[in-house]
């Protein structure tokens, strides 16, 4: 009976580790995508043509800022998860 409990504990710990690693991977993936979106939208805003209206440039900058915020929060979550 004692061996059964030890085996159950090991299996539970293994499942927890797998879940933790999957969550960490997902968080890092979200951060990577958010950083890419931020970079693309910031580049679009920076290279705005003179014909591009000011409203669209502001929207591009807002999108870049929002994506940067999501990326930063994801990185912080990943760091907290590793602890």
PDB file of N, CA and C in Angstrom:
ATOM      1  N   UNK A   1       0.824  -1.188   0.000  1.00  0.00           N
ATOM      2  CA  UNK A   1       0.000   0.000   0.000  1.00  0.00           C
ATOM      3  C   UNK A   1       0.872   1.258   0.000  1.00  0.00           C
ATOM      4  N   UNK A   2       1.960   1.229   0.757  1.00  0.00           N
ATOM      5  CA  UNK A   2       2.844   2.394   0.832  1.00  0.00           C
ATOM      6  C   UNK A   2       3.471   2.678  -0.529  1.00  0.00           C
ATOM      7  N   UNK A   3       3.838   1.614  -1.246  1.00  0.00           N
ATOM      8  CA  UNK A   3       4.409   1.797  -2.587  1.00  0.00           C
ATOM      9  C   UNK A   3       3.399   2.446  -3.534  1.00  0.00           C
ATOM     10  N   UNK A   4       2.151   2.078  -3.368  1.00  0.00           N
ATOM     11  CA  UNK A   4       1.104   2.638  -4.205  1.00  0.00           C
ATOM     12  C   UNK A   4       0.982   4.144  -3.983  1.00  0.00           C
ATOM     13  N   UNK A   5       1.055   4.577  -2.736  1.00  0.00           N
ATOM     14  CA  UNK A   5       0.968   5.994  -2.422  1.00  0.00           C
ATOM     15  C   UNK A   5       2.160   6.760  -2.975  1.00  0.00           C
ATOM     16  N   UNK A   6       3.344   6.171  -2.880  1.00  0.00           N
ATOM     17  CA  UNK A   6       4.548   6.817  -3.404  1.00  0.00           C
ATOM     18  C   UNK A   6       4.439   6.942  -4.920  1.00  0.00           C
ATOM     19  N   UNK A   7       3.951   5.907  -5.558  1.00  0.00           N
ATOM     20  CA  UNK A   7       3.768   5.936  -7.008  1.00  0.00           C
ATOM     21  C   UNK A   7       2.756   6.991  -7.426  1.00  0.00           C
ATOM     22  N   UNK A   8       1.670   7.103  -6.659  1.00  0.00           N
ATOM     23  CA  UNK A   8       0.659   8.128  -6.943  1.00  0.00           C
ATOM     24  C   UNK A   8       1.242   9.519  -6.784  1.00  0.00           C
ATOM     25  N   UNK A   9       2.042   9.713  -5.762  1.00  0.00           N
ATOM     26  CA  UNK A   9       2.666  11.022  -5.539  1.00  0.00           C
ATOM     27  C   UNK A   9       3.618  11.369  -6.678  1.00  0.00           C
ATOM     28  N   UNK A  10       4.399  10.398  -7.108  1.00  0.00           N
ATOM     29  CA  UNK A  10       5.328  10.639  -8.219  1.00  0.00           C
ATOM     30  C   UNK A  10       4.573  10.993  -9.497  1.00  0.00           C
ATOM     31  N   UNK A  11       3.502  10.250  -9.753  1.00  0.00           N
ATOM     32  CA  UNK A  11       2.703  10.509 -10.948  1.00  0.00           C
ATOM     33  C   UNK A  11       2.063  11.896 -10.880  1.00  0.00           C
ATOM     34  N   UNK A  12       1.555  12.266  -9.711  1.00  0.00           N
ATOM     35  CA  UNK A  12       0.944  13.589  -9.551  1.00  0.00           C
ATOM     36  C   UNK A  12       1.996  14.682  -9.741  1.00  0.00           C
ATOM     37  N   UNK A  13       3.177  14.490  -9.170  1.00  0.00           N
ATOM     38  CA  UNK A  13       4.251  15.471  -9.308  1.00  0.00           C
ATOM     39  C   UNK A  13       4.659  15.593 -10.783  1.00  0.00           C
ATOM     40  N   UNK A  14       4.727  14.476 -11.482  1.00  0.00           N
ATOM     41  CA  UNK A  14       5.081  14.479 -12.899  1.00  0.00           C
ATOM     42  C   UNK A  14       4.040  15.252 -13.703  1.00  0.00           C
ATOM     43  N   UNK A  15       2.762  15.028 -13.417  1.00  0.00           N
ATOM     44  CA  UNK A  15       1.690  15.745 -14.111  1.00  0.00           C
ATOM     45  C   UNK A  15       1.737  17.238 -13.809  1.00  0.00           C
ATOM     46  N   UNK A  16       2.033  17.594 -12.564  1.00  0.00           N
ATOM     47  CA  UNK A  16       2.147  19.005 -12.193  1.00  0.00           C
ATOM     48  C   UNK A  16       3.307  19.666 -12.934  1.00  0.00           C
ATOM     49  N   UNK A  17       4.414  18.960 -13.069  1.00  0.00           N
ATOM     50  CA  UNK A  17       5.572  19.489 -13.784  1.00  0.00           C
ATOM     51  C   UNK A  17       5.244  19.694 -15.258  1.00  0.00           C
ATOM     52  N   UNK A  18       4.567  18.747 -15.860  1.00  0.00           N
ATOM     53  CA  UNK A  18       4.177  18.859 -17.265  1.00  0.00           C
ATOM     54  C   UNK A  18       3.236  20.048 -17.453  1.00  0.00           C
ATOM     55  N   UNK A  19       2.268  20.196 -16.567  1.00  0.00           N
ATOM     56  CA  UNK A  19       1.329  21.308 -16.645  1.00  0.00           C
ATOM     57  C   UNK A  19       2.051  22.639 -16.475  1.00  0.00           C
ATOM     58  N   UNK A  20       2.944  22.707 -15.500  1.00  0.00           N
ATOM     59  CA  UNK A  20       3.711  23.927 -15.244  1.00  0.00           C
ATOM     60  C   UNK A  20       4.541  24.305 -16.463  1.00  0.00           C
ATOM     61  N   UNK A  21       5.215  23.338 -17.051  1.00  0.00           N
ATOM     62  CA  UNK A  21       6.033  23.605 -18.238  1.00  0.00           C
ATOM     63  C   UNK A  21       5.180  24.069 -19.424  1.00  0.00           C
ATOM     64  N   UNK A  22       4.009  23.483 -19.578  1.00  0.00           N
ATOM     65  CA  UNK A  22       3.111  23.884 -20.663  1.00  0.00           C
ATOM     66  C   UNK A  22       2.620  25.315 -20.460  1.00  0.00           C
ATOM     67  N   UNK A  23       2.292  25.660 -19.221  1.00  0.00           N
ATOM     68  CA  UNK A  23       1.850  27.026 -18.934  1.00  0.00           C
ATOM     69  C   UNK A  23       2.979  28.018 -19.180  1.00  0.00           C
ATOM     70  N   UNK A  24       4.175  27.664 -18.778  1.00  0.00           N
ATOM     71  CA  UNK A  24       5.327  28.531 -18.996  1.00  0.00           C
ATOM     72  C   UNK A  24       5.578  28.724 -20.489  1.00  0.00           C
ATOM     73  N   UNK A  25       5.523  27.650 -21.239  1.00  0.00           N
ATOM     74  CA  UNK A  25       5.726  27.720 -22.691  1.00  0.00           C
ATOM     75  C   UNK A  25       4.661  28.603 -23.337  1.00  0.00           C
ATOM     76  N   UNK A  26       3.419  28.449 -22.932  1.00  0.00           N
ATOM     77  CA  UNK A  26       2.331  29.256 -23.492  1.00  0.00           C
ATOM     78  C   UNK A  26       2.535  30.737 -23.174  1.00  0.00           C
ATOM     79  N   UNK A  27       2.942  31.030 -21.962  1.00  0.00           N
ATOM     80  CA  UNK A  27       3.164  32.418 -21.565  1.00  0.00           C
ATOM     81  C   UNK A  27       4.291  33.045 -22.370  1.00  0.00           C
ATOM     82  N   UNK A  28       5.355  32.304 -22.572  1.00  0.00           N
ATOM     83  CA  UNK A  28       6.482  32.803 -23.366  1.00  0.00           C
ATOM     84  C   UNK A  28       6.064  32.992 -24.822  1.00  0.00           C
ATOM     85  N   UNK A  29       5.247  32.088 -25.341  1.00  0.00           N
ATOM     86  CA  UNK A  29       4.758  32.212 -26.718  1.00  0.00           C
ATOM     87  C   UNK A  29       3.899  33.458 -26.894  1.00  0.00           C
ATOM     88  N   UNK A  30       3.040  33.731 -25.922  1.00  0.00           N
ATOM     89  CA  UNK A  30       2.209  34.938 -25.981  1.00  0.00           C
ATOM     90  C   UNK A  30       3.099  36.176 -25.978  1.00  0.00           C
ATOM     91  N   UNK A  31       4.125  36.162 -25.142  1.00  0.00           N
ATOM     92  CA  UNK A  31       5.049  37.304 -25.091  1.00  0.00           C
ATOM     93  C   UNK A  31       5.743  37.500 -26.429  1.00  0.00           C
ATOM     94  N   UNK A  32       6.171  36.428 -27.048  1.00  0.00           N
ATOM     95  CA  UNK A  32       6.864  36.528 -28.330  1.00  0.00           C
ATOM     96  C   UNK A  32       5.951  37.112 -29.413  1.00  0.00           C
ATOM     97  N   UNK A  33       4.724  36.638 -29.458  1.00  0.00           N
ATOM     98  CA  UNK A  33       3.776  37.155 -30.451  1.00  0.00           C
ATOM     99  C   UNK A  33       3.473  38.627 -30.170  1.00  0.00           C
ATOM    100  N   UNK A  34       3.282  38.980 -28.908  1.00  0.00           N
ATOM    101  CA  UNK A  34       2.974  40.369 -28.562  1.00  0.00           C
ATOM    102  C   UNK A  34       4.132  41.293 -28.913  1.00  0.00           C
ATOM    103  N   UNK A  35       5.362  40.846 -28.665  1.00  0.00           N
ATOM    104  CA  UNK A  35       6.518  41.660 -29.043  1.00  0.00           C
ATOM    105  C   UNK A  35       6.583  41.836 -30.560  1.00  0.00           C
ATOM    106  N   UNK A  36       6.266  40.795 -31.308  1.00  0.00           N
ATOM    107  CA  UNK A  36       6.271  40.894 -32.767  1.00  0.00           C
ATOM    108  C   UNK A  36       5.207  41.881 -33.247  1.00  0.00           C
ATOM    109  N   UNK A  37       4.011  41.792 -32.685  1.00  0.00           N
ATOM    110  CA  UNK A  37       2.945  42.728 -33.048  1.00  0.00           C
ATOM    111  C   UNK A  37       3.354  44.159 -32.705  1.00  0.00           C
ATOM    112  N   UNK A  38       3.954  44.335 -31.529  1.00  0.00           N
ATOM    113  CA  UNK A  38       4.406  45.669 -31.118  1.00  0.00           C
ATOM    114  C   UNK A  38       5.445  46.214 -32.094  1.00  0.00           C
ATOM    115  N   UNK A  39       6.380  45.385 -32.488  1.00  0.00           N
ATOM    116  CA  UNK A  39       7.425  45.829 -33.408  1.00  0.00           C
ATOM    117  C   UNK A  39       6.846  46.204 -34.769  1.00  0.00           C
ATOM    118  N   UNK A  40       5.943  45.394 -35.264  1.00  0.00           N
ATOM    119  CA  UNK A  40       5.346  45.666 -36.576  1.00  0.00           C
ATOM    120  C   UNK A  40       4.508  46.939 -36.542  1.00  0.00           C
ATOM    121  N   UNK A  41       3.674  47.075 -35.521  1.00  0.00           N
ATOM    122  CA  UNK A  41       2.823  48.262 -35.469  1.00  0.00           C
ATOM    123  C   UNK A  41       3.632  49.531 -35.202  1.00  0.00           C
ATOM    124  N   UNK A  42       4.687  49.423 -34.409  1.00  0.00           N
ATOM    125  CA  UNK A  42       5.546  50.589 -34.181  1.00  0.00           C
ATOM    126  C   UNK A  42       6.257  50.989 -35.471  1.00  0.00           C
ATOM    127  N   UNK A  43       6.694  50.004 -36.224  1.00  0.00           N
ATOM    128  CA  UNK A  43       7.353  50.297 -37.498  1.00  0.00           C
ATOM    129  C   UNK A  43       6.367  50.941 -38.471  1.00  0.00           C
ATOM    130  N   UNK A  44       5.144  50.468 -38.470  1.00  0.00           N
ATOM    131  CA  UNK A  44       4.127  51.058 -39.341  1.00  0.00           C
ATOM    132  C   UNK A  44       3.868  52.513 -38.954  1.00  0.00           C
ATOM    133  N   UNK A  45       3.808  52.772 -37.658  1.00  0.00           N
ATOM    134  CA  UNK A  45       3.557  54.138 -37.196  1.00  0.00           C
ATOM    135  C   UNK A  45       4.741  55.045 -37.517  1.00  0.00           C
ATOM    136  N   UNK A  46       5.946  54.512 -37.364  1.00  0.00           N
ATOM    137  CA  UNK A  46       7.148  55.320 -37.610  1.00  0.00           C
ATOM    138  C   UNK A  46       7.342  55.638 -39.085  1.00  0.00           C
ATOM    139  N   UNK A  47       6.919  54.737 -39.945  1.00  0.00           N
ATOM    140  CA  UNK A  47       7.125  54.942 -41.379  1.00  0.00           C
ATOM    141  C   UNK A  47       5.878  55.474 -42.062  1.00  0.00           C
ATOM    142  N   UNK A  48       5.037  56.115 -41.287  1.00  0.00           N
ATOM    143  CA  UNK A  48       3.788  56.596 -41.877  1.00  0.00           C
ATOM    144  C   UNK A  48       4.069  57.626 -42.964  1.00  0.00           C
ATOM    145  N   UNK A  49       3.415  57.437 -44.052  1.00  0.00           N
ATOM    146  CA  UNK A  49       3.567  58.342 -45.195  1.00  0.00           C
ATOM    147  C   UNK A  49       2.888  59.666 -44.884  1.00  0.00           C
ATOM    148  N   UNK A  50       3.340  60.723 -45.529  1.00  0.00           N
ATOM    149  CA  UNK A  50       2.715  62.024 -45.302  1.00  0.00           C
ATOM    150  C   UNK A  50       1.215  62.013 -45.590  1.00  0.00           C
ATOM    151  N   UNK A  51       0.798  61.130 -46.468  1.00  0.00           N
ATOM    152  CA  UNK A  51      -0.620  61.069 -46.806  1.00  0.00           C
ATOM    153  C   UNK A  51      -1.445  60.327 -45.739  1.00  0.00           C
ATOM    154  N   UNK A  52      -0.759  59.593 -44.893  1.00  0.00           N
ATOM    155  CA  UNK A  52      -1.464  58.839 -43.854  1.00  0.00           C
ATOM    156  C   UNK A  52      -2.003  59.822 -42.821  1.00  0.00           C
ATOM    157  N   UNK A  53      -3.252  59.680 -42.486  1.00  0.00           N
ATOM    158  CA  UNK A  53      -3.810  60.664 -41.563  1.00  0.00           C
ATOM    159  C   UNK A  53      -3.317  60.441 -40.132  1.00  0.00           C
ATOM    160  N   UNK A  54      -3.400  61.495 -39.374  1.00  0.00           N
ATOM    161  CA  UNK A  54      -2.884  61.487 -37.999  1.00  0.00           C
ATOM    162  C   UNK A  54      -3.636  60.482 -37.130  1.00  0.00           C
ATOM    163  N   UNK A  55      -4.908  60.295 -37.410  1.00  0.00           N
ATOM    164  CA  UNK A  55      -5.720  59.357 -36.628  1.00  0.00           C
ATOM    165  C   UNK A  55      -5.184  57.932 -36.771  1.00  0.00           C
ATOM    166  N   UNK A  56      -4.854  57.532 -37.977  1.00  0.00           N
ATOM    167  CA  UNK A  56      -4.328  56.177 -38.199  1.00  0.00           C
ATOM    168  C   UNK A  56      -2.966  56.010 -37.540  1.00  0.00           C
ATOM    169  N   UNK A  57      -2.136  57.050 -37.570  1.00  0.00           N
ATOM    170  CA  UNK A  57      -0.829  56.975 -36.910  1.00  0.00           C
ATOM    171  C   UNK A  57      -1.007  56.791 -35.407  1.00  0.00           C
ATOM    172  N   UNK A  58      -1.981  57.486 -34.844  1.00  0.00           N
ATOM    173  CA  UNK A  58      -2.261  57.344 -33.407  1.00  0.00           C
ATOM    174  C   UNK A  58      -2.765  55.935 -33.091  1.00  0.00           C
ATOM    175  N   UNK A  59      -3.584  55.396 -33.971  1.00  0.00           N
ATOM    176  CA  UNK A  59      -4.085  54.030 -33.768  1.00  0.00           C
ATOM    177  C   UNK A  59      -2.920  53.039 -33.815  1.00  0.00           C
ATOM    178  N   UNK A  60      -2.013  53.216 -34.770  1.00  0.00           N
ATOM    179  CA  UNK A  60      -0.838  52.344 -34.851  1.00  0.00           C
ATOM    180  C   UNK A  60      -0.014  52.415 -33.572  1.00  0.00           C
ATOM    181  N   UNK A  61       0.198  53.614 -33.056  1.00  0.00           N
ATOM    182  CA  UNK A  61       0.978  53.769 -31.826  1.00  0.00           C
ATOM    183  C   UNK A  61       0.249  53.159 -30.627  1.00  0.00           C
ATOM    184  N   UNK A  62      -1.062  53.311 -30.594  1.00  0.00           N
ATOM    185  CA  UNK A  62      -1.845  52.709 -29.508  1.00  0.00           C
ATOM    186  C   UNK A  62      -1.749  51.188 -29.559  1.00  0.00           C
ATOM    187  N   UNK A  63      -1.814  50.637 -30.766  1.00  0.00           N
ATOM    188  CA  UNK A  63      -1.676  49.180 -30.921  1.00  0.00           C
ATOM    189  C   UNK A  63      -0.290  48.716 -30.487  1.00  0.00           C
ATOM    190  N   UNK A  64       0.729  49.466 -30.859  1.00  0.00           N
ATOM    191  CA  UNK A  64       2.090  49.112 -30.462  1.00  0.00           C
ATOM    192  C   UNK A  64       2.232  49.164 -28.955  1.00  0.00           C
ATOM    193  N   UNK A  65       1.662  50.175 -28.333  1.00  0.00           N
ATOM    194  CA  UNK A  65       1.734  50.303 -26.870  1.00  0.00           C
ATOM    195  C   UNK A  65       0.993  49.163 -26.180  1.00  0.00           C
ATOM    196  N   UNK A  66      -0.187  48.833 -26.694  1.00  0.00           N
ATOM    197  CA  UNK A  66      -0.967  47.748 -26.099  1.00  0.00           C
ATOM    198  C   UNK A  66      -0.248  46.409 -26.235  1.00  0.00           C
ATOM    199  N   UNK A  67       0.315  46.164 -27.400  1.00  0.00           N
ATOM    200  CA  UNK A  67       1.045  44.906 -27.609  1.00  0.00           C
ATOM    201  C   UNK A  67       2.282  44.844 -26.716  1.00  0.00           C
ATOM    202  N   UNK A  68       2.952  45.969 -26.532  1.00  0.00           N
ATOM    203  CA  UNK A  68       4.114  46.003 -25.638  1.00  0.00           C
ATOM    204  C   UNK A  68       3.692  45.706 -24.204  1.00  0.00           C
ATOM    205  N   UNK A  69       2.568  46.257 -23.786  1.00  0.00           N
ATOM    206  CA  UNK A  69       2.062  45.996 -22.445  1.00  0.00           C
ATOM    207  C   UNK A  69       1.744  44.517 -22.251  1.00  0.00           C
ATOM    208  N   UNK A  70       1.079  43.909 -23.230  1.00  0.00           N
ATOM    209  CA  UNK A  70       0.766  42.477 -23.151  1.00  0.00           C
ATOM    210  C   UNK A  70       2.063  41.654 -23.076  1.00  0.00           C
ATOM    211  N   UNK A  71       3.030  42.005 -23.897  1.00  0.00           N
ATOM    212  CA  UNK A  71       4.300  41.284 -23.905  1.00  0.00           C
ATOM    213  C   UNK A  71       5.009  41.415 -22.563  1.00  0.00           C
ATOM    214  N   UNK A  72       5.041  42.615 -22.027  1.00  0.00           N
ATOM    215  CA  UNK A  72       5.700  42.837 -20.738  1.00  0.00           C
ATOM    216  C   UNK A  72       5.026  42.044 -19.625  1.00  0.00           C
ATOM    217  N   UNK A  73       3.714  42.078 -19.611  1.00  0.00           N
ATOM    218  CA  UNK A  73       2.980  41.318 -18.593  1.00  0.00           C
ATOM    219  C   UNK A  73       3.218  39.817 -18.747  1.00  0.00           C
ATOM    220  N   UNK A  74       3.312  39.350 -19.976  1.00  0.00           N
ATOM    221  CA  UNK A  74       3.573  37.924 -20.213  1.00  0.00           C
ATOM    222  C   UNK A  74       4.958  37.531 -19.722  1.00  0.00           C
ATOM    223  N   UNK A  75       5.935  38.389 -19.961  1.00  0.00           N
ATOM    224  CA  UNK A  75       7.289  38.103 -19.480  1.00  0.00           C
ATOM    225  C   UNK A  75       7.305  38.061 -17.958  1.00  0.00           C
ATOM    226  N   UNK A  76       6.639  39.006 -17.329  1.00  0.00           N
ATOM    227  CA  UNK A  76       6.575  39.021 -15.865  1.00  0.00           C
ATOM    228  C   UNK A  76       5.869  37.776 -15.330  1.00  0.00           C
ATOM    229  N   UNK A  77       4.819  37.353 -16.008  1.00  0.00           N
ATOM    230  CA  UNK A  77       4.113  36.134 -15.594  1.00  0.00           C
ATOM    231  C   UNK A  77       5.005  34.912 -15.741  1.00  0.00           C
ATOM    232  N   UNK A  78       5.774  34.872 -16.820  1.00  0.00           N
ATOM    233  CA  UNK A  78       6.689  33.746 -17.032  1.00  0.00           C
ATOM    234  C   UNK A  78       7.761  33.721 -15.943  1.00  0.00           C
ATOM    235  N   UNK A  79       8.292  34.887 -15.603  1.00  0.00           N
ATOM    236  CA  UNK A  79       9.289  34.952 -14.541  1.00  0.00           C
ATOM    237  C   UNK A  79       8.711  34.513 -13.207  1.00  0.00           C
ATOM    238  N   UNK A  80       7.479  34.926 -12.912  1.00  0.00           N
ATOM    239  CA  UNK A  80       6.830  34.534 -11.664  1.00  0.00           C
ATOM    240  C   UNK A  80       6.540  33.037 -11.644  1.00  0.00           C
ATOM    241  N   UNK A  81       6.215  32.475 -12.789  1.00  0.00           N
ATOM    242  CA  UNK A  81       5.901  31.055 -12.874  1.00  0.00           C
ATOM    243  C   UNK A  81       7.134  30.197 -12.608  1.00  0.00           C
ATOM    244  N   UNK A  82       8.291  30.669 -13.026  1.00  0.00           N
ATOM    245  CA  UNK A  82       9.523  29.912 -12.826  1.00  0.00           C
ATOM    246  C   UNK A  82       9.925  29.847 -11.366  1.00  0.00           C
ATOM    247  N   UNK A  83       9.485  30.825 -10.577  1.00  0.00           N
ATOM    248  CA  UNK A  83       9.896  30.900  -9.177  1.00  0.00           C
ATOM    249  C   UNK A  83       9.319  29.760  -8.361  1.00  0.00           C
TER     250      UNK A  83
END
